[in-house]
Amino acid sequence: MTDNKGMARYRNHSEDEKATAMAFLAANSGNYKSTSKQTGIPWQTIQSWDKGVGVNTVITEKSALKRTDLADHLDEKIEMLVNCISADRIADANLVQITTALGTLIDKSAALRKPQAMTREDLAEQQEQIKTIIKRYVSDPDTLQAIGDDFDRLSAGNSGEPGTG
């Protein structure tokens, strides 16, 4: 922002705005630019808050509450996606897109509930949870095998297009 003389103007952000931005930062796994796009707050400002500048205990506590609220909201979206994975939808929808969205939401929810980095074991457990959900809604053995193969390939670090073998 600049004033009418071309000088930079700085905005004082409320504790609530700071706490919200810090919750979004957790959901974005520390990505300042994504958080900036979502909140409208410059990424440099968010970065300074992440380093503790201008952040107090009240903001930290509010951010923890907001992370829980945001994770709960994402869990609702996860449930909606799971409900849309039905036999009727499989015929009409791109299963890879649905499961990718589901995985993204689960990742963000987990990041909000568990601020430290996920371990390989955490990721493997999450992958098994996704497979279990998919098995509830997919009965075709060939489709299940293809999904399992995609998970195995991604776990091995092969970033090829899912479903290409």
C-alpha atoms as a PDB file:
ATOM      1  CA  MET A   1       0.000   0.000   0.000  1.00  0.00           C
ATOM      2  CA  THR A   2       1.154   3.525  -0.655  1.00  0.00           C
ATOM      3  CA  ASP A   3      -0.227   6.834   0.428  1.00  0.00           C
ATOM      4  CA  ASN A   4      -0.891   9.760  -1.946  1.00  0.00           C
ATOM      5  CA  LYS A   5       2.796  10.801  -1.695  1.00  0.00           C
ATOM      6  CA  GLY A   6       4.085   7.405  -2.886  1.00  0.00           C
ATOM      7  CA  MET A   7       5.294   6.453   0.593  1.00  0.00           C
ATOM      8  CA  ALA A   8       4.711   2.910   1.826  1.00  0.00           C
ATOM      9  CA  ARG A   9       1.957   2.576   4.405  1.00  0.00           C
ATOM     10  CA  TYR A  10       1.918  -0.204   6.930  1.00  0.00           C
ATOM     11  CA  ARG A  11      -1.237  -1.735   8.283  1.00  0.00           C
ATOM     12  CA  ASN A  12      -1.684  -2.803  11.866  1.00  0.00           C
ATOM     13  CA  HIS A  13      -3.217  -6.262  11.884  1.00  0.00           C
ATOM     14  CA  SER A  14      -5.439  -7.378  14.733  1.00  0.00           C
ATOM     15  CA  GLU A  15      -4.547 -10.346  16.924  1.00  0.00           C
ATOM     16  CA  ASP A  16      -7.376 -12.248  15.242  1.00  0.00           C
ATOM     17  CA  GLU A  17      -5.975 -11.559  11.760  1.00  0.00           C
ATOM     18  CA  LYS A  18      -2.525 -12.682  12.854  1.00  0.00           C
ATOM     19  CA  ALA A  19      -3.907 -15.842  14.459  1.00  0.00           C
ATOM     20  CA  THR A  20      -5.935 -16.656  11.344  1.00  0.00           C
ATOM     21  CA  ALA A  21      -2.914 -16.162   9.100  1.00  0.00           C
ATOM     22  CA  MET A  22      -0.793 -18.392  11.351  1.00  0.00           C
ATOM     23  CA  ALA A  23      -3.475 -21.117  11.199  1.00  0.00           C
ATOM     24  CA  PHE A  24      -3.524 -20.916   7.405  1.00  0.00           C
ATOM     25  CA  LEU A  25       0.279 -21.049   7.409  1.00  0.00           C
ATOM     26  CA  ALA A  26       0.104 -24.326   9.336  1.00  0.00           C
ATOM     27  CA  ALA A  27      -2.438 -25.713   6.846  1.00  0.00           C
ATOM     28  CA  ASN A  28      -0.120 -24.681   4.015  1.00  0.00           C
ATOM     29  CA  SER A  29       2.862 -26.443   5.632  1.00  0.00           C
ATOM     30  CA  GLY A  30       4.722 -23.171   6.087  1.00  0.00           C
ATOM     31  CA  ASN A  31       4.207 -21.847   2.551  1.00  0.00           C
ATOM     32  CA  TYR A  32       4.198 -18.060   2.973  1.00  0.00           C
ATOM     33  CA  LYS A  33       3.108 -17.214  -0.560  1.00  0.00           C
ATOM     34  CA  SER A  34       0.097 -19.570  -0.546  1.00  0.00           C
ATOM     35  CA  THR A  35      -0.926 -18.195   2.828  1.00  0.00           C
ATOM     36  CA  SER A  36      -0.535 -14.646   1.509  1.00  0.00           C
ATOM     37  CA  LYS A  37      -2.806 -15.383  -1.449  1.00  0.00           C
ATOM     38  CA  GLN A  38      -5.450 -16.848   0.860  1.00  0.00           C
ATOM     39  CA  THR A  39      -5.338 -14.088   3.477  1.00  0.00           C
ATOM     40  CA  GLY A  40      -4.392 -10.999   1.462  1.00  0.00           C
ATOM     41  CA  ILE A  41      -1.527 -10.303   3.874  1.00  0.00           C
ATOM     42  CA  PRO A  42       1.941  -9.802   2.350  1.00  0.00           C
ATOM     43  CA  TRP A  43       4.069 -12.936   2.605  1.00  0.00           C
ATOM     44  CA  GLN A  44       6.916 -10.992   4.191  1.00  0.00           C
ATOM     45  CA  THR A  45       4.591  -9.955   7.016  1.00  0.00           C
ATOM     46  CA  ILE A  46       3.494 -13.553   7.540  1.00  0.00           C
ATOM     47  CA  GLN A  47       7.129 -14.653   7.515  1.00  0.00           C
ATOM     48  CA  SER A  48       8.008 -12.145  10.233  1.00  0.00           C
ATOM     49  CA  TRP A  49       5.085 -13.329  12.374  1.00  0.00           C
ATOM     50  CA  ASP A  50       6.250 -16.906  11.870  1.00  0.00           C
ATOM     51  CA  LYS A  51       9.618 -15.830  13.289  1.00  0.00           C
ATOM     52  CA  GLY A  52       7.826 -14.371  16.320  1.00  0.00           C
ATOM     53  CA  VAL A  53       7.901 -10.677  15.416  1.00  0.00           C
ATOM     54  CA  GLY A  54       4.706  -9.013  16.628  1.00  0.00           C
ATOM     55  CA  VAL A  55       3.270 -12.283  17.959  1.00  0.00           C
ATOM     56  CA  ASN A  56       2.389 -12.790  21.605  1.00  0.00           C
ATOM     57  CA  THR A  57       0.970 -15.638  23.688  1.00  0.00           C
ATOM     58  CA  VAL A  58      -2.615 -14.578  23.014  1.00  0.00           C
ATOM     59  CA  ILE A  59      -2.060 -14.787  19.258  1.00  0.00           C
ATOM     60  CA  THR A  60      -0.379 -18.182  19.605  1.00  0.00           C
ATOM     61  CA  GLU A  61      -3.304 -19.505  21.665  1.00  0.00           C
ATOM     62  CA  LYS A  62      -5.874 -18.067  19.243  1.00  0.00           C
ATOM     63  CA  SER A  63      -3.975 -19.600  16.342  1.00  0.00           C
ATOM     64  CA  ALA A  64      -4.095 -23.041  17.980  1.00  0.00           C
ATOM     65  CA  LEU A  65      -7.873 -22.724  18.355  1.00  0.00           C
ATOM     66  CA  LYS A  66      -8.243 -21.539  14.779  1.00  0.00           C
ATOM     67  CA  ARG A  67      -6.117 -24.467  13.542  1.00  0.00           C
ATOM     68  CA  THR A  68      -8.507 -26.854  15.282  1.00  0.00           C
ATOM     69  CA  ASP A  69     -11.530 -25.072  13.814  1.00  0.00           C
ATOM     70  CA  LEU A  70      -9.988 -25.103  10.335  1.00  0.00           C
ATOM     71  CA  ALA A  71      -9.092 -28.799  10.678  1.00  0.00           C
ATOM     72  CA  ASP A  72     -12.689 -29.549  11.702  1.00  0.00           C
ATOM     73  CA  HIS A  73     -13.915 -27.651   8.638  1.00  0.00           C
ATOM     74  CA  LEU A  74     -11.559 -29.632   6.395  1.00  0.00           C
ATOM     75  CA  ASP A  75     -12.752 -32.867   7.999  1.00  0.00           C
ATOM     76  CA  GLU A  76     -16.292 -31.926   6.962  1.00  0.00           C
ATOM     77  CA  LYS A  77     -15.041 -31.479   3.388  1.00  0.00           C
ATOM     78  CA  ILE A  78     -13.310 -34.870   3.596  1.00  0.00           C
ATOM     79  CA  GLU A  79     -16.593 -36.456   4.645  1.00  0.00           C
ATOM     80  CA  MET A  80     -18.362 -34.759   1.717  1.00  0.00           C
ATOM     81  CA  LEU A  81     -15.772 -36.129  -0.723  1.00  0.00           C
ATOM     82  CA  VAL A  82     -15.987 -39.607   0.763  1.00  0.00           C
ATOM     83  CA  ASN A  83     -19.752 -39.492   0.360  1.00  0.00           C
ATOM     84  CA  CYS A  84     -19.434 -38.567  -3.300  1.00  0.00           C
ATOM     85  CA  ILE A  85     -17.312 -41.670  -3.989  1.00  0.00           C
ATOM     86  CA  SER A  86     -20.173 -44.041  -4.732  1.00  0.00           C
ATOM     87  CA  ALA A  87     -20.783 -46.618  -7.431  1.00  0.00           C
ATOM     88  CA  ASP A  88     -22.906 -44.128  -9.398  1.00  0.00           C
ATOM     89  CA  ARG A  89     -20.294 -41.359  -9.147  1.00  0.00           C
ATOM     90  CA  ILE A  90     -17.416 -43.628 -10.130  1.00  0.00           C
ATOM     91  CA  ALA A  91     -18.991 -44.127 -13.533  1.00  0.00           C
ATOM     92  CA  ASP A  92     -19.379 -40.362 -14.028  1.00  0.00           C
ATOM     93  CA  ALA A  93     -16.439 -38.862 -12.133  1.00  0.00           C
ATOM     94  CA  ASN A  94     -12.692 -39.009 -12.475  1.00  0.00           C
ATOM     95  CA  LEU A  95     -11.696 -41.142  -9.502  1.00  0.00           C
ATOM     96  CA  VAL A  96      -8.118 -39.853  -9.538  1.00  0.00           C
ATOM     97  CA  GLN A  97      -9.366 -36.278  -9.114  1.00  0.00           C
ATOM     98  CA  ILE A  98     -11.657 -37.238  -6.244  1.00  0.00           C
ATOM     99  CA  THR A  99      -8.982 -39.214  -4.417  1.00  0.00           C
ATOM    100  CA  THR A 100      -6.381 -36.497  -5.033  1.00  0.00           C
ATOM    101  CA  ALA A 101      -8.696 -33.910  -3.504  1.00  0.00           C
ATOM    102  CA  LEU A 102      -9.372 -36.261  -0.616  1.00  0.00           C
ATOM    103  CA  GLY A 103      -5.650 -36.762  -0.026  1.00  0.00           C
ATOM    104  CA  THR A 104      -4.994 -33.018  -0.138  1.00  0.00           C
ATOM    105  CA  LEU A 105      -7.702 -32.314   2.433  1.00  0.00           C
ATOM    106  CA  ILE A 106      -6.448 -35.094   4.698  1.00  0.00           C
ATOM    107  CA  ASP A 107      -2.902 -33.699   4.438  1.00  0.00           C
ATOM    108  CA  LYS A 108      -4.045 -30.206   5.375  1.00  0.00           C
ATOM    109  CA  SER A 109      -6.212 -31.473   8.231  1.00  0.00           C
ATOM    110  CA  ALA A 110      -3.299 -33.519   9.572  1.00  0.00           C
ATOM    111  CA  ALA A 111      -0.943 -30.548   9.246  1.00  0.00           C
ATOM    112  CA  LEU A 112      -3.331 -28.446  11.303  1.00  0.00           C
ATOM    113  CA  ARG A 113      -3.759 -31.074  14.011  1.00  0.00           C
ATOM    114  CA  LYS A 114      -0.107 -32.106  14.109  1.00  0.00           C
ATOM    115  CA  PRO A 115       2.150 -29.099  13.539  1.00  0.00           C
ATOM    116  CA  GLN A 116       5.378 -31.106  13.266  1.00  0.00           C
ATOM    117  CA  ALA A 117       6.386 -32.642   9.959  1.00  0.00           C
ATOM    118  CA  MET A 118       4.777 -35.960   9.090  1.00  0.00           C
ATOM    119  CA  THR A 119       7.032 -39.004   9.280  1.00  0.00           C
ATOM    120  CA  ARG A 120       7.129 -41.787   6.713  1.00  0.00           C
ATOM    121  CA  GLU A 121       5.136 -43.882   9.172  1.00  0.00           C
ATOM    122  CA  ASP A 122       2.480 -41.156   9.419  1.00  0.00           C
ATOM    123  CA  LEU A 123       2.257 -40.977   5.648  1.00  0.00           C
ATOM    124  CA  ALA A 124       1.998 -44.762   5.347  1.00  0.00           C
ATOM    125  CA  GLU A 125      -0.793 -44.799   7.949  1.00  0.00           C
ATOM    126  CA  GLN A 126      -2.609 -42.021   6.099  1.00  0.00           C
ATOM    127  CA  GLN A 127      -2.259 -43.915   2.838  1.00  0.00           C
ATOM    128  CA  GLU A 128      -3.783 -47.023   4.441  1.00  0.00           C
ATOM    129  CA  GLN A 129      -6.688 -44.925   5.721  1.00  0.00           C
ATOM    130  CA  ILE A 130      -7.332 -43.614   2.209  1.00  0.00           C
ATOM    131  CA  LYS A 131      -7.152 -47.144   0.778  1.00  0.00           C
ATOM    132  CA  THR A 132      -9.684 -48.332   3.377  1.00  0.00           C
ATOM    133  CA  ILE A 133     -12.058 -45.515   2.461  1.00  0.00           C
ATOM    134  CA  ILE A 134     -11.721 -46.270  -1.241  1.00  0.00           C
ATOM    135  CA  LYS A 135     -12.351 -49.988  -0.685  1.00  0.00           C
ATOM    136  CA  ARG A 136     -15.681 -49.090   0.946  1.00  0.00           C
ATOM    137  CA  TYR A 137     -16.906 -47.518  -2.278  1.00  0.00           C
ATOM    138  CA  VAL A 138     -15.095 -49.346  -5.050  1.00  0.00           C
ATOM    139  CA  SER A 139     -16.013 -52.957  -5.697  1.00  0.00           C
ATOM    140  CA  ASP A 140     -14.307 -53.521  -9.052  1.00  0.00           C
ATOM    141  CA  PRO A 141     -11.094 -55.508  -8.399  1.00  0.00           C
ATOM    142  CA  ASP A 142      -9.293 -54.059 -11.436  1.00  0.00           C
ATOM    143  CA  THR A 143      -9.991 -50.493 -10.298  1.00  0.00           C
ATOM    144  CA  LEU A 144      -8.862 -51.339  -6.763  1.00  0.00           C
ATOM    145  CA  GLN A 145      -5.660 -52.872  -8.128  1.00  0.00           C
ATOM    146  CA  ALA A 146      -4.968 -49.815 -10.293  1.00  0.00           C
ATOM    147  CA  ILE A 147      -5.458 -47.494  -7.311  1.00  0.00           C
ATOM    148  CA  GLY A 148      -3.199 -49.687  -5.167  1.00  0.00           C
ATOM    149  CA  ASP A 149      -0.537 -49.655  -7.884  1.00  0.00           C
ATOM    150  CA  ASP A 150      -0.741 -45.854  -8.057  1.00  0.00           C
ATOM    151  CA  PHE A 151      -0.257 -45.594  -4.274  1.00  0.00           C
ATOM    152  CA  ASP A 152       2.705 -47.987  -4.396  1.00  0.00           C
ATOM    153  CA  ARG A 153       4.329 -46.068  -7.251  1.00  0.00           C
ATOM    154  CA  LEU A 154       3.856 -42.734  -5.487  1.00  0.00           C
ATOM    155  CA  SER A 155       5.256 -44.188  -2.244  1.00  0.00           C
ATOM    156  CA  ALA A 156       8.326 -45.328  -4.141  1.00  0.00           C
ATOM    157  CA  GLY A 157       8.874 -41.732  -5.285  1.00  0.00           C
ATOM    158  CA  ASN A 158       7.823 -42.224  -8.913  1.00  0.00           C
ATOM    159  CA  SER A 159       5.923 -39.075  -9.796  1.00  0.00           C
ATOM    160  CA  GLY A 160       4.568 -40.430 -13.087  1.00  0.00           C
ATOM    161  CA  GLU A 161       0.964 -39.882 -14.085  1.00  0.00           C
ATOM    162  CA  PRO A 162      -1.344 -42.113 -11.972  1.00  0.00           C
ATOM    163  CA  GLY A 163      -2.912 -44.968 -13.869  1.00  0.00           C
ATOM    164  CA  THR A 164      -0.067 -45.258 -16.379  1.00  0.00           C
ATOM    165  CA  GLY A 165       1.500 -48.345 -14.807  1.00  0.00           C
END
